Amino acid sequence: AEAKLAQQQSLYDSVCADRNLYSKSLIDCNAEIEEIKKKFKMAFHRIEQLKDEVRSKEAKLMKAHFEKNKMTRGNARVRESLESAQERIEGLESIVATQKAEAKKLQVMVEDAEKEVSNHEK
């Protein structure tokens, strides 16, 4: 009976040792789980920050893209206006040259007429 009691006591001690070992293992695992949860929350928060940053940069990029397109269209309009103005200037310069030539012809005609009048008066 004492041998049986000793065997039972030995089994009990073995079970208690196993329980203590598993209890410590459980505590360690729970601590590790909490640490992993904490790291996950930090990583999740960082991911959200990065997503916000990406959204902000995309918005700025889109705004810059639209501004560039707006400026490009504005430049095209100014270029067209400049070309039109240059064509108009060339046309007006041609008209001025023609009128100067006409004025010169008229001046020559006036001088000739004055000479003729002067010759008739003598």
PDB file of N, CA and C in Angstrom:
ATOM      1  N   ALA A   1       0.828  -1.178   0.000  1.00  0.00           N
ATOM      2  CA  ALA A   1       0.000   0.000   0.000  1.00  0.00           C
ATOM      3  C   ALA A   1       0.876   1.247   0.000  1.00  0.00           C
ATOM      4  N   GLU A   2       2.001   1.169   0.753  1.00  0.00           N
ATOM      5  CA  GLU A   2       2.868   2.345   0.788  1.00  0.00           C
ATOM      6  C   GLU A   2       3.511   2.565  -0.570  1.00  0.00           C
ATOM      7  N   ALA A   3       3.808   1.489  -1.247  1.00  0.00           N
ATOM      8  CA  ALA A   3       4.393   1.610  -2.574  1.00  0.00           C
ATOM      9  C   ALA A   3       3.386   2.253  -3.521  1.00  0.00           C
ATOM     10  N   LYS A   4       2.124   1.821  -3.364  1.00  0.00           N
ATOM     11  CA  LYS A   4       1.068   2.386  -4.206  1.00  0.00           C
ATOM     12  C   LYS A   4       0.914   3.862  -3.885  1.00  0.00           C
ATOM     13  N   LEU A   5       0.957   4.222  -2.581  1.00  0.00           N
ATOM     14  CA  LEU A   5       0.831   5.617  -2.158  1.00  0.00           C
ATOM     15  C   LEU A   5       2.016   6.425  -2.702  1.00  0.00           C
ATOM     16  N   ALA A   6       3.198   5.853  -2.652  1.00  0.00           N
ATOM     17  CA  ALA A   6       4.391   6.532  -3.143  1.00  0.00           C
ATOM     18  C   ALA A   6       4.266   6.736  -4.654  1.00  0.00           C
ATOM     19  N   GLN A   7       3.732   5.729  -5.322  1.00  0.00           N
ATOM     20  CA  GLN A   7       3.540   5.829  -6.770  1.00  0.00           C
ATOM     21  C   GLN A   7       2.522   6.917  -7.080  1.00  0.00           C
ATOM     22  N   GLN A   8       1.420   6.936  -6.294  1.00  0.00           N
ATOM     23  CA  GLN A   8       0.377   7.953  -6.484  1.00  0.00           C
ATOM     24  C   GLN A   8       0.960   9.348  -6.211  1.00  0.00           C
ATOM     25  N   GLN A   9       1.759   9.442  -5.141  1.00  0.00           N
ATOM     26  CA  GLN A   9       2.376  10.727  -4.782  1.00  0.00           C
ATOM     27  C   GLN A   9       3.313  11.168  -5.904  1.00  0.00           C
ATOM     28  N   SER A  10       4.055  10.219  -6.459  1.00  0.00           N
ATOM     29  CA  SER A  10       4.984  10.513  -7.543  1.00  0.00           C
ATOM     30  C   SER A  10       4.217  10.997  -8.772  1.00  0.00           C
ATOM     31  N   LEU A  11       3.124  10.324  -9.091  1.00  0.00           N
ATOM     32  CA  LEU A  11       2.288  10.747 -10.222  1.00  0.00           C
ATOM     33  C   LEU A  11       1.699  12.132  -9.976  1.00  0.00           C
ATOM     34  N   TYR A  12       1.231  12.361  -8.730  1.00  0.00           N
ATOM     35  CA  TYR A  12       0.658  13.659  -8.359  1.00  0.00           C
ATOM     36  C   TYR A  12       1.716  14.744  -8.522  1.00  0.00           C
ATOM     37  N   ASP A  13       2.929  14.493  -8.023  1.00  0.00           N
ATOM     38  CA  ASP A  13       4.008  15.476  -8.134  1.00  0.00           C
ATOM     39  C   ASP A  13       4.350  15.741  -9.607  1.00  0.00           C
ATOM     40  N   SER A  14       4.320  14.661 -10.391  1.00  0.00           N
ATOM     41  CA  SER A  14       4.605  14.783 -11.814  1.00  0.00           C
ATOM     42  C   SER A  14       3.537  15.641 -12.500  1.00  0.00           C
ATOM     43  N   VAL A  15       2.257  15.374 -12.144  1.00  0.00           N
ATOM     44  CA  VAL A  15       1.152  16.157 -12.718  1.00  0.00           C
ATOM     45  C   VAL A  15       1.267  17.613 -12.286  1.00  0.00           C
ATOM     46  N   CYS A  16       1.599  17.857 -11.010  1.00  0.00           N
ATOM     47  CA  CYS A  16       1.754  19.240 -10.519  1.00  0.00           C
ATOM     48  C   CYS A  16       2.893  19.939 -11.255  1.00  0.00           C
ATOM     49  N   ALA A  17       3.998  19.228 -11.458  1.00  0.00           N
ATOM     50  CA  ALA A  17       5.138  19.811 -12.169  1.00  0.00           C
ATOM     51  C   ALA A  17       4.739  20.142 -13.608  1.00  0.00           C
ATOM     52  N   ASP A  18       4.020  19.193 -14.247  1.00  0.00           N
ATOM     53  CA  ASP A  18       3.552  19.447 -15.614  1.00  0.00           C
ATOM     54  C   ASP A  18       2.610  20.648 -15.651  1.00  0.00           C
ATOM     55  N   ARG A  19       1.680  20.687 -14.661  1.00  0.00           N
ATOM     56  CA  ARG A  19       0.724  21.803 -14.600  1.00  0.00           C
ATOM     57  C   ARG A  19       1.469  23.115 -14.436  1.00  0.00           C
ATOM     58  N   ASN A  20       2.453  23.157 -13.536  1.00  0.00           N
ATOM     59  CA  ASN A  20       3.226  24.382 -13.320  1.00  0.00           C
ATOM     60  C   ASN A  20       3.983  24.777 -14.594  1.00  0.00           C
ATOM     61  N   LEU A  21       4.547  23.779 -15.255  1.00  0.00           N
ATOM     62  CA  LEU A  21       5.274  24.044 -16.495  1.00  0.00           C
ATOM     63  C   LEU A  21       4.335  24.599 -17.561  1.00  0.00           C
ATOM     64  N   TYR A  22       3.164  23.956 -17.723  1.00  0.00           N
ATOM     65  CA  TYR A  22       2.195  24.418 -18.715  1.00  0.00           C
ATOM     66  C   TYR A  22       1.606  25.773 -18.330  1.00  0.00           C
ATOM     67  N   SER A  23       1.428  26.007 -17.034  1.00  0.00           N
ATOM     68  CA  SER A  23       0.915  27.296 -16.566  1.00  0.00           C
ATOM     69  C   SER A  23       1.907  28.403 -16.912  1.00  0.00           C
ATOM     70  N   LYS A  24       3.202  28.145 -16.637  1.00  0.00           N
ATOM     71  CA  LYS A  24       4.238  29.123 -16.973  1.00  0.00           C
ATOM     72  C   LYS A  24       4.278  29.325 -18.488  1.00  0.00           C
ATOM     73  N   SER A  25       4.173  28.229 -19.240  1.00  0.00           N
ATOM     74  CA  SER A  25       4.172  28.317 -20.701  1.00  0.00           C
ATOM     75  C   SER A  25       2.978  29.140 -21.179  1.00  0.00           C
ATOM     76  N   LEU A  26       1.806  28.933 -20.547  1.00  0.00           N
ATOM     77  CA  LEU A  26       0.606  29.698 -20.896  1.00  0.00           C
ATOM     78  C   LEU A  26       0.815  31.177 -20.620  1.00  0.00           C
ATOM     79  N   ILE A  27       1.390  31.492 -19.468  1.00  0.00           N
ATOM     80  CA  ILE A  27       1.648  32.900 -19.113  1.00  0.00           C
ATOM     81  C   ILE A  27       2.600  33.520 -20.134  1.00  0.00           C
ATOM     82  N   ASP A  28       3.661  32.788 -20.488  1.00  0.00           N
ATOM     83  CA  ASP A  28       4.619  33.296 -21.478  1.00  0.00           C
ATOM     84  C   ASP A  28       3.950  33.508 -22.836  1.00  0.00           C
ATOM     85  N   CYS A  29       3.118  32.537 -23.234  1.00  0.00           N
ATOM     86  CA  CYS A  29       2.414  32.650 -24.517  1.00  0.00           C
ATOM     87  C   CYS A  29       1.447  33.829 -24.509  1.00  0.00           C
ATOM     88  N   ASN A  30       0.721  34.015 -23.402  1.00  0.00           N
ATOM     89  CA  ASN A  30      -0.203  35.155 -23.298  1.00  0.00           C
ATOM     90  C   ASN A  30       0.556  36.474 -23.370  1.00  0.00           C
ATOM     91  N   ALA A  31       1.724  36.537 -22.711  1.00  0.00           N
ATOM     92  CA  ALA A  31       2.537  37.753 -22.764  1.00  0.00           C
ATOM     93  C   ALA A  31       3.004  38.000 -24.201  1.00  0.00           C
ATOM     94  N   GLU A  32       3.411  36.933 -24.881  1.00  0.00           N
ATOM     95  CA  GLU A  32       3.847  37.062 -26.268  1.00  0.00           C
ATOM     96  C   GLU A  32       2.694  37.505 -27.160  1.00  0.00           C
ATOM     97  N   ILE A  33       1.501  36.959 -26.912  1.00  0.00           N
ATOM     98  CA  ILE A  33       0.309  37.358 -27.674  1.00  0.00           C
ATOM     99  C   ILE A  33       0.031  38.840 -27.470  1.00  0.00           C
ATOM    100  N   GLU A  34       0.121  39.309 -26.218  1.00  0.00           N
ATOM    101  CA  GLU A  34      -0.112  40.735 -25.934  1.00  0.00           C
ATOM    102  C   GLU A  34       0.926  41.603 -26.647  1.00  0.00           C
ATOM    103  N   GLU A  35       2.173  41.149 -26.640  1.00  0.00           N
ATOM    104  CA  GLU A  35       3.236  41.894 -27.319  1.00  0.00           C
ATOM    105  C   GLU A  35       2.974  41.943 -28.827  1.00  0.00           C
ATOM    106  N   ILE A  36       2.544  40.814 -29.391  1.00  0.00           N
ATOM    107  CA  ILE A  36       2.236  40.768 -30.824  1.00  0.00           C
ATOM    108  C   ILE A  36       1.042  41.664 -31.135  1.00  0.00           C
ATOM    109  N   LYS A  37       0.016  41.663 -30.259  1.00  0.00           N
ATOM    110  CA  LYS A  37      -1.142  42.547 -30.457  1.00  0.00           C
ATOM    111  C   LYS A  37      -0.707  44.007 -30.441  1.00  0.00           C
ATOM    112  N   LYS A  38       0.187  44.341 -29.498  1.00  0.00           N
ATOM    113  CA  LYS A  38       0.677  45.713 -29.387  1.00  0.00           C
ATOM    114  C   LYS A  38       1.426  46.104 -30.668  1.00  0.00           C
ATOM    115  N   LYS A  39       2.289  45.206 -31.151  1.00  0.00           N
ATOM    116  CA  LYS A  39       3.030  45.477 -32.386  1.00  0.00           C
ATOM    117  C   LYS A  39       2.079  45.591 -33.574  1.00  0.00           C
ATOM    118  N   PHE A  40       1.042  44.747 -33.589  1.00  0.00           N
ATOM    119  CA  PHE A  40       0.057  44.794 -34.669  1.00  0.00           C
ATOM    120  C   PHE A  40      -0.669  46.137 -34.669  1.00  0.00           C
ATOM    121  N   LYS A  41      -1.075  46.592 -33.470  1.00  0.00           N
ATOM    122  CA  LYS A  41      -1.766  47.888 -33.387  1.00  0.00           C
ATOM    123  C   LYS A  41      -0.860  49.009 -33.882  1.00  0.00           C
ATOM    124  N   MET A  42       0.421  48.946 -33.482  1.00  0.00           N
ATOM    125  CA  MET A  42       1.359  49.981 -33.924  1.00  0.00           C
ATOM    126  C   MET A  42       1.541  49.926 -35.443  1.00  0.00           C
ATOM    127  N   ALA A  43       1.663  48.714 -35.977  1.00  0.00           N
ATOM    128  CA  ALA A  43       1.826  48.560 -37.426  1.00  0.00           C
ATOM    129  C   ALA A  43       0.571  49.034 -38.155  1.00  0.00           C
ATOM    130  N   PHE A  44      -0.596  48.695 -37.620  1.00  0.00           N
ATOM    131  CA  PHE A  44      -1.856  49.118 -38.231  1.00  0.00           C
ATOM    132  C   PHE A  44      -1.953  50.644 -38.240  1.00  0.00           C
ATOM    133  N   HIS A  45      -1.593  51.263 -37.104  1.00  0.00           N
ATOM    134  CA  HIS A  45      -1.623  52.722 -37.006  1.00  0.00           C
ATOM    135  C   HIS A  45      -0.657  53.338 -38.030  1.00  0.00           C
ATOM    136  N   ARG A  46       0.530  52.764 -38.142  1.00  0.00           N
ATOM    137  CA  ARG A  46       1.518  53.279 -39.093  1.00  0.00           C
ATOM    138  C   ARG A  46       1.012  53.121 -40.531  1.00  0.00           C
ATOM    139  N   ILE A  47       0.383  51.993 -40.811  1.00  0.00           N
ATOM    140  CA  ILE A  47      -0.182  51.768 -42.148  1.00  0.00           C
ATOM    141  C   ILE A  47      -1.244  52.820 -42.454  1.00  0.00           C
ATOM    142  N   GLU A  48      -2.095  53.120 -41.471  1.00  0.00           N
ATOM    143  CA  GLU A  48      -3.127  54.147 -41.678  1.00  0.00           C
ATOM    144  C   GLU A  48      -2.490  55.510 -41.926  1.00  0.00           C
ATOM    145  N   GLN A  49      -1.423  55.815 -41.176  1.00  0.00           N
ATOM    146  CA  GLN A  49      -0.723  57.082 -41.398  1.00  0.00           C
ATOM    147  C   GLN A  49      -0.157  57.142 -42.817  1.00  0.00           C
ATOM    148  N   LEU A  50       0.449  56.040 -43.244  1.00  0.00           N
ATOM    149  CA  LEU A  50       1.029  56.004 -44.589  1.00  0.00           C
ATOM    150  C   LEU A  50      -0.052  56.117 -45.660  1.00  0.00           C
ATOM    151  N   LYS A  51      -1.201  55.476 -45.422  1.00  0.00           N
ATOM    152  CA  LYS A  51      -2.310  55.593 -46.379  1.00  0.00           C
ATOM    153  C   LYS A  51      -2.763  57.042 -46.483  1.00  0.00           C
ATOM    154  N   ASP A  52      -2.887  57.720 -45.317  1.00  0.00           N
ATOM    155  CA  ASP A  52      -3.284  59.130 -45.326  1.00  0.00           C
ATOM    156  C   ASP A  52      -2.255  59.967 -46.082  1.00  0.00           C
ATOM    157  N   GLU A  53      -0.981  59.659 -45.839  1.00  0.00           N
ATOM    158  CA  GLU A  53       0.084  60.392 -46.509  1.00  0.00           C
ATOM    159  C   GLU A  53       0.015  60.175 -48.021  1.00  0.00           C
ATOM    160  N   VAL A  54      -0.225  58.950 -48.435  1.00  0.00           N
ATOM    161  CA  VAL A  54      -0.338  58.636 -49.866  1.00  0.00           C
ATOM    162  C   VAL A  54      -1.531  59.366 -50.469  1.00  0.00           C
ATOM    163  N   ARG A  55      -2.677  59.348 -49.759  1.00  0.00           N
ATOM    164  CA  ARG A  55      -3.864  60.053 -50.267  1.00  0.00           C
ATOM    165  C   ARG A  55      -3.580  61.544 -50.413  1.00  0.00           C
ATOM    166  N   SER A  56      -2.908  62.109 -49.419  1.00  0.00           N
ATOM    167  CA  SER A  56      -2.581  63.533 -49.466  1.00  0.00           C
ATOM    168  C   SER A  56      -1.662  63.841 -50.648  1.00  0.00           C
ATOM    169  N   LYS A  57      -0.653  63.008 -50.831  1.00  0.00           N
ATOM    170  CA  LYS A  57       0.280  63.241 -51.937  1.00  0.00           C
ATOM    171  C   LYS A  57      -0.399  63.032 -53.284  1.00  0.00           C
ATOM    172  N   GLU A  58      -1.296  62.059 -53.365  1.00  0.00           N
ATOM    173  CA  GLU A  58      -2.038  61.853 -54.614  1.00  0.00           C
ATOM    174  C   GLU A  58      -2.907  63.064 -54.921  1.00  0.00           C
ATOM    175  N   ALA A  59      -3.540  63.627 -53.876  1.00  0.00           N
ATOM    176  CA  ALA A  59      -4.377  64.815 -54.083  1.00  0.00           C
ATOM    177  C   ALA A  59      -3.521  65.984 -54.573  1.00  0.00           C
ATOM    178  N   LYS A  60      -2.346  66.160 -53.961  1.00  0.00           N
ATOM    179  CA  LYS A  60      -1.452  67.236 -54.391  1.00  0.00           C
ATOM    180  C   LYS A  60      -0.992  67.009 -55.823  1.00  0.00           C
ATOM    181  N   LEU A  61      -0.696  65.757 -56.143  1.00  0.00           N
ATOM    182  CA  LEU A  61      -0.253  65.424 -57.495  1.00  0.00           C
ATOM    183  C   LEU A  61      -1.353  65.708 -58.511  1.00  0.00           C
ATOM    184  N   MET A  62      -2.582  65.332 -58.180  1.00  0.00           N
ATOM    185  CA  MET A  62      -3.706  65.593 -59.083  1.00  0.00           C
ATOM    186  C   MET A  62      -3.902  67.096 -59.257  1.00  0.00           C
ATOM    187  N   LYS A  63      -3.806  67.843 -58.152  1.00  0.00           N
ATOM    188  CA  LYS A  63      -3.964  69.292 -58.228  1.00  0.00           C
ATOM    189  C   LYS A  63      -2.880  69.893 -59.122  1.00  0.00           C
ATOM    190  N   ALA A  64      -1.645  69.431 -58.934  1.00  0.00           N
ATOM    191  CA  ALA A  64      -0.542  69.926 -59.761  1.00  0.00           C
ATOM    192  C   ALA A  64      -0.767  69.552 -61.224  1.00  0.00           C
ATOM    193  N   HIS A  65      -1.277  68.353 -61.453  1.00  0.00           N
ATOM    194  CA  HIS A  65      -1.553  67.904 -62.828  1.00  0.00           C
ATOM    195  C   HIS A  65      -2.602  68.806 -63.481  1.00  0.00           C
ATOM    196  N   PHE A  66      -3.691  69.093 -62.747  1.00  0.00           N
ATOM    197  CA  PHE A  66      -4.732  69.959 -63.295  1.00  0.00           C
ATOM    198  C   PHE A  66      -4.207  71.372 -63.520  1.00  0.00           C
ATOM    199  N   GLU A  67      -3.375  71.864 -62.591  1.00  0.00           N
ATOM    200  CA  GLU A  67      -2.790  73.197 -62.757  1.00  0.00           C
ATOM    201  C   GLU A  67      -1.900  73.230 -63.998  1.00  0.00           C
ATOM    202  N   LYS A  68      -1.116  72.169 -64.189  1.00  0.00           N
ATOM    203  CA  LYS A  68      -0.239  72.097 -65.365  1.00  0.00           C
ATOM    204  C   LYS A  68      -1.073  72.111 -66.637  1.00  0.00           C
ATOM    205  N   ASN A  69      -2.145  71.313 -66.655  1.00  0.00           N
ATOM    206  CA  ASN A  69      -3.015  71.288 -67.840  1.00  0.00           C
ATOM    207  C   ASN A  69      -3.637  72.656 -68.083  1.00  0.00           C
ATOM    208  N   LYS A  70      -4.058  73.305 -66.993  1.00  0.00           N
ATOM    209  CA  LYS A  70      -4.657  74.639 -67.110  1.00  0.00           C
ATOM    210  C   LYS A  70      -3.634  75.622 -67.691  1.00  0.00           C
ATOM    211  N   MET A  71      -2.406  75.551 -67.182  1.00  0.00           N
ATOM    212  CA  MET A  71      -1.352  76.439 -67.681  1.00  0.00           C
ATOM    213  C   MET A  71      -1.025  76.126 -69.142  1.00  0.00           C
ATOM    214  N   THR A  72      -1.013  74.849 -69.481  1.00  0.00           N
ATOM    215  CA  THR A  72      -0.723  74.456 -70.861  1.00  0.00           C
ATOM    216  C   THR A  72      -1.782  75.014 -71.803  1.00  0.00           C
ATOM    217  N   ARG A  73      -3.058  74.890 -71.389  1.00  0.00           N
ATOM    218  CA  ARG A  73      -4.134  75.443 -72.224  1.00  0.00           C
ATOM    219  C   ARG A  73      -4.010  76.962 -72.316  1.00  0.00           C
ATOM    220  N   GLY A  74      -3.689  77.606 -71.183  1.00  0.00           N
ATOM    221  CA  GLY A  74      -3.511  79.058 -71.183  1.00  0.00           C
ATOM    222  C   GLY A  74      -2.369  79.478 -72.096  1.00  0.00           C
ATOM    223  N   ASN A  75      -1.265  78.725 -72.031  1.00  0.00           N
ATOM    224  CA  ASN A  75      -0.123  79.027 -72.901  1.00  0.00           C
ATOM    225  C   ASN A  75      -0.499  78.863 -74.368  1.00  0.00           C
ATOM    226  N   ALA A  76      -1.281  77.842 -74.665  1.00  0.00           N
ATOM    227  CA  ALA A  76      -1.705  77.620 -76.054  1.00  0.00           C
ATOM    228  C   ALA A  76      -2.554  78.795 -76.534  1.00  0.00           C
ATOM    229  N   ARG A  77      -3.469  79.268 -75.657  1.00  0.00           N
ATOM    230  CA  ARG A  77      -4.304  80.418 -76.040  1.00  0.00           C
ATOM    231  C   ARG A  77      -3.448  81.665 -76.259  1.00  0.00           C
ATOM    232  N   VAL A  78      -2.487  81.886 -75.369  1.00  0.00           N
ATOM    233  CA  VAL A  78      -1.612  83.056 -75.506  1.00  0.00           C
ATOM    234  C   VAL A  78      -0.786  82.939 -76.787  1.00  0.00           C
ATOM    235  N   ARG A  79      -0.286  81.726 -77.056  1.00  0.00           N
ATOM    236  CA  ARG A  79       0.507  81.506 -78.269  1.00  0.00           C
ATOM    237  C   ARG A  79      -0.336  81.799 -79.513  1.00  0.00           C
ATOM    238  N   GLU A  80      -1.585  81.310 -79.517  1.00  0.00           N
ATOM    239  CA  GLU A  80      -2.481  81.569 -80.652  1.00  0.00           C
ATOM    240  C   GLU A  80      -2.741  83.062 -80.797  1.00  0.00           C
ATOM    241  N   SER A  81      -2.964  83.723 -79.662  1.00  0.00           N
ATOM    242  CA  SER A  81      -3.217  85.163 -79.679  1.00  0.00           C
ATOM    243  C   SER A  81      -1.992  85.910 -80.202  1.00  0.00           C
ATOM    244  N   LEU A  82      -0.812  85.473 -79.773  1.00  0.00           N
ATOM    245  CA  LEU A  82       0.430  86.102 -80.227  1.00  0.00           C
ATOM    246  C   LEU A  82       0.612  85.912 -81.732  1.00  0.00           C
ATOM    247  N   GLU A  83       0.372  84.694 -82.205  1.00  0.00           N
ATOM    248  CA  GLU A  83       0.499  84.431 -83.642  1.00  0.00           C
ATOM    249  C   GLU A  83      -0.490  85.285 -84.433  1.00  0.00           C
ATOM    250  N   SER A  84      -1.710  85.390 -83.923  1.00  0.00           N
ATOM    251  CA  SER A  84      -2.729  86.205 -84.586  1.00  0.00           C
ATOM    252  C   SER A  84      -2.295  87.670 -84.607  1.00  0.00           C
ATOM    253  N   ALA A  85      -1.761  88.142 -83.474  1.00  0.00           N
ATOM    254  CA  ALA A  85      -1.316  89.535 -83.398  1.00  0.00           C
ATOM    255  C   ALA A  85      -0.149  89.771 -84.352  1.00  0.00           C
ATOM    256  N   GLN A  86       0.770  88.791 -84.437  1.00  0.00           N
ATOM    257  CA  GLN A  86       1.907  88.949 -85.354  1.00  0.00           C
ATOM    258  C   GLN A  86       1.435  88.993 -86.806  1.00  0.00           C
ATOM    259  N   GLU A  87       0.465  88.144 -87.137  1.00  0.00           N
ATOM    260  CA  GLU A  87      -0.088  88.172 -88.497  1.00  0.00           C
ATOM    261  C   GLU A  87      -0.737  89.523 -88.776  1.00  0.00           C
ATOM    262  N   ARG A  88      -1.468  90.035 -87.788  1.00  0.00           N
ATOM    263  CA  ARG A  88      -2.131  91.336 -87.950  1.00  0.00           C
ATOM    264  C   ARG A  88      -1.087  92.443 -88.110  1.00  0.00           C
ATOM    265  N   ILE A  89      -0.018  92.366 -87.300  1.00  0.00           N
ATOM    266  CA  ILE A  89       1.046  93.375 -87.402  1.00  0.00           C
ATOM    267  C   ILE A  89       1.679  93.329 -88.788  1.00  0.00           C
ATOM    268  N   GLU A  90       1.951  92.113 -89.278  1.00  0.00           N
ATOM    269  CA  GLU A  90       2.543  91.986 -90.618  1.00  0.00           C
ATOM    270  C   GLU A  90       1.617  92.586 -91.674  1.00  0.00           C
ATOM    271  N   GLY A  91       0.317  92.314 -91.524  1.00  0.00           N
ATOM    272  CA  GLY A  91      -0.651  92.886 -92.466  1.00  0.00           C
ATOM    273  C   GLY A  91      -0.673  94.398 -92.392  1.00  0.00           C
ATOM    274  N   LEU A  92      -0.658  94.936 -91.171  1.00  0.00           N
ATOM    275  CA  LEU A  92      -0.672  96.392 -91.001  1.00  0.00           C
ATOM    276  C   LEU A  92       0.620  97.017 -91.514  1.00  0.00           C
ATOM    277  N   GLU A  93       1.758  96.342 -91.284  1.00  0.00           N
ATOM    278  CA  GLU A  93       3.033  96.866 -91.794  1.00  0.00           C
ATOM    279  C   GLU A  93       3.016  96.907 -93.317  1.00  0.00           C
ATOM    280  N   SER A  94       2.405  95.901 -93.915  1.00  0.00           N
ATOM    281  CA  SER A  94       2.280  95.878 -95.377  1.00  0.00           C
ATOM    282  C   SER A  94       1.431  97.056 -95.851  1.00  0.00           C
ATOM    283  N   ILE A  95       0.325  97.289 -95.123  1.00  0.00           N
ATOM    284  CA  ILE A  95      -0.553  98.416 -95.479  1.00  0.00           C
ATOM    285  C   ILE A  95       0.193  99.734 -95.326  1.00  0.00           C
ATOM    286  N   VAL A  96       0.958  99.869 -94.216  1.00  0.00           N
ATOM    287  CA  VAL A  96       1.722 101.099 -93.983  1.00  0.00           C
ATOM    288  C   VAL A  96       2.737 101.302 -95.103  1.00  0.00           C
ATOM    289  N   ALA A  97       3.425 100.226 -95.489  1.00  0.00           N
ATOM    290  CA  ALA A  97       4.419 100.339 -96.573  1.00  0.00           C
ATOM    291  C   ALA A  97       3.739 100.765 -97.865  1.00  0.00           C
ATOM    292  N   THR A  98       2.582 100.178 -98.151  1.00  0.00           N
ATOM    293  CA  THR A  98       1.833 100.542 -99.359  1.00  0.00           C
ATOM    294  C   THR A  98       1.419 102.007 -99.301  1.00  0.00           C
ATOM    295  N   GLN A  99       0.936 102.448 -98.140  1.00  0.00           N
ATOM    296  CA  GLN A  99       0.493 103.843 -98.009  1.00  0.00           C
ATOM    297  C   GLN A  99       1.670 104.810 -98.091  1.00  0.00           C
ATOM    298  N   LYS A 100       2.831 104.405 -97.547  1.00  0.00           N
ATOM    299  CA  LYS A 100       4.015 105.268 -97.665  1.00  0.00           C
ATOM    300  C   LYS A 100       4.416 105.419 -99.134  1.00  0.00           C
ATOM    301  N   ALA A 101       4.365 104.296 -99.843  1.00  0.00           N
ATOM    302  CA  ALA A 101       4.705 104.352-101.275  1.00  0.00           C
ATOM    303  C   ALA A 101       3.710 105.242-102.010  1.00  0.00           C
ATOM    304  N   GLU A 102       2.427 105.105-101.670  1.00  0.00           N
ATOM    305  CA  GLU A 102       1.382 105.935-102.287  1.00  0.00           C
ATOM    306  C   GLU A 102       1.609 107.401-101.937  1.00  0.00           C
ATOM    307  N   ALA A 103       1.969 107.664-100.667  1.00  0.00           N
ATOM    308  CA  ALA A 103       2.218 109.047-100.241  1.00  0.00           C
ATOM    309  C   ALA A 103       3.413 109.623-100.996  1.00  0.00           C
ATOM    310  N   LYS A 104       4.435 108.792-101.198  1.00  0.00           N
ATOM    311  CA  LYS A 104       5.611 109.247-101.938  1.00  0.00           C
ATOM    312  C   LYS A 104       5.231 109.596-103.375  1.00  0.00           C
ATOM    313  N   LYS A 105       4.408 108.737-103.996  1.00  0.00           N
ATOM    314  CA  LYS A 105       3.944 109.002-105.365  1.00  0.00           C
ATOM    315  C   LYS A 105       3.165 110.311-105.411  1.00  0.00           C
ATOM    316  N   LEU A 106       2.272 110.479-104.412  1.00  0.00           N
ATOM    317  CA  LEU A 106       1.472 111.709-104.374  1.00  0.00           C
ATOM    318  C   LEU A 106       2.366 112.927-104.161  1.00  0.00           C
ATOM    319  N   GLN A 107       3.395 112.771-103.306  1.00  0.00           N
ATOM    320  CA  GLN A 107       4.318 113.883-103.057  1.00  0.00           C
ATOM    321  C   GLN A 107       5.029 114.268-104.350  1.00  0.00           C
ATOM    322  N   VAL A 108       5.448 113.239-105.094  1.00  0.00           N
ATOM    323  CA  VAL A 108       6.111 113.496-106.378  1.00  0.00           C
ATOM    324  C   VAL A 108       5.136 114.194-107.322  1.00  0.00           C
ATOM    325  N   MET A 109       3.878 113.745-107.328  1.00  0.00           N
ATOM    326  CA  MET A 109       2.878 114.361-108.199  1.00  0.00           C
ATOM    327  C   MET A 109       2.637 115.812-107.796  1.00  0.00           C
ATOM    328  N   VAL A 110       2.593 116.066-106.479  1.00  0.00           N
ATOM    329  CA  VAL A 110       2.385 117.438-106.006  1.00  0.00           C
ATOM    330  C   VAL A 110       3.561 118.310-106.425  1.00  0.00           C
ATOM    331  N   GLU A 111       4.766 117.784-106.248  1.00  0.00           N
ATOM    332  CA  GLU A 111       5.945 118.565-106.635  1.00  0.00           C
ATOM    333  C   GLU A 111       5.933 118.859-108.140  1.00  0.00           C
ATOM    334  N   ASP A 112       5.556 117.826-108.911  1.00  0.00           N
ATOM    335  CA  ASP A 112       5.473 118.034-110.363  1.00  0.00           C
ATOM    336  C   ASP A 112       4.412 119.082-110.697  1.00  0.00           C
ATOM    337  N   ALA A 113       3.286 118.997-110.000  1.00  0.00           N
ATOM    338  CA  ALA A 113       2.207 119.958-110.247  1.00  0.00           C
ATOM    339  C   ALA A 113       2.657 121.359-109.857  1.00  0.00           C
ATOM    340  N   GLU A 114       3.376 121.491-108.737  1.00  0.00           N
ATOM    341  CA  GLU A 114       3.856 122.810-108.308  1.00  0.00           C
ATOM    342  C   GLU A 114       4.857 123.377-109.320  1.00  0.00           C
ATOM    343  N   LYS A 115       5.700 122.499-109.851  1.00  0.00           N
ATOM    344  CA  LYS A 115       6.656 122.947-110.868  1.00  0.00           C
ATOM    345  C   LYS A 115       5.916 123.428-112.113  1.00  0.00           C
ATOM    346  N   GLU A 116       4.876 122.660-112.457  1.00  0.00           N
ATOM    347  CA  GLU A 116       4.104 123.020-113.638  1.00  0.00           C
ATOM    348  C   GLU A 116       3.407 124.361-113.425  1.00  0.00           C
ATOM    349  N   VAL A 117       2.844 124.553-112.230  1.00  0.00           N
ATOM    350  CA  VAL A 117       2.178 125.821-111.913  1.00  0.00           C
ATOM    351  C   VAL A 117       3.213 126.943-111.929  1.00  0.00           C
ATOM    352  N   SER A 118       4.342 126.650-111.367  1.00  0.00           N
ATOM    353  CA  SER A 118       5.408 127.646-111.316  1.00  0.00           C
ATOM    354  C   SER A 118       5.861 128.006-112.737  1.00  0.00           C
ATOM    355  N   ASN A 119       5.932 127.015-113.599  1.00  0.00           N
ATOM    356  CA  ASN A 119       6.325 127.257-114.991  1.00  0.00           C
ATOM    357  C   ASN A 119       5.254 128.056-115.728  1.00  0.00           C
ATOM    358  N   HIS A 120       3.981 127.844-115.436  1.00  0.00           N
ATOM    359  CA  HIS A 120       2.896 128.569-116.090  1.00  0.00           C
ATOM    360  C   HIS A 120       2.855 130.009-115.620  1.00  0.00           C
ATOM    361  N   GLU A 121       3.260 130.260-114.402  1.00  0.00           N
ATOM    362  CA  GLU A 121       3.215 131.624-113.875  1.00  0.00           C
ATOM    363  C   GLU A 121       4.320 132.481-114.475  1.00  0.00           C
ATOM    364  N   LYS A 122       5.357 131.895-114.905  1.00  0.00           N
ATOM    365  CA  LYS A 122       6.477 132.654-115.469  1.00  0.00           C
ATOM    366  C   LYS A 122       6.228 133.030-116.862  1.00  0.00           C
TER     367      LYS A 122
END
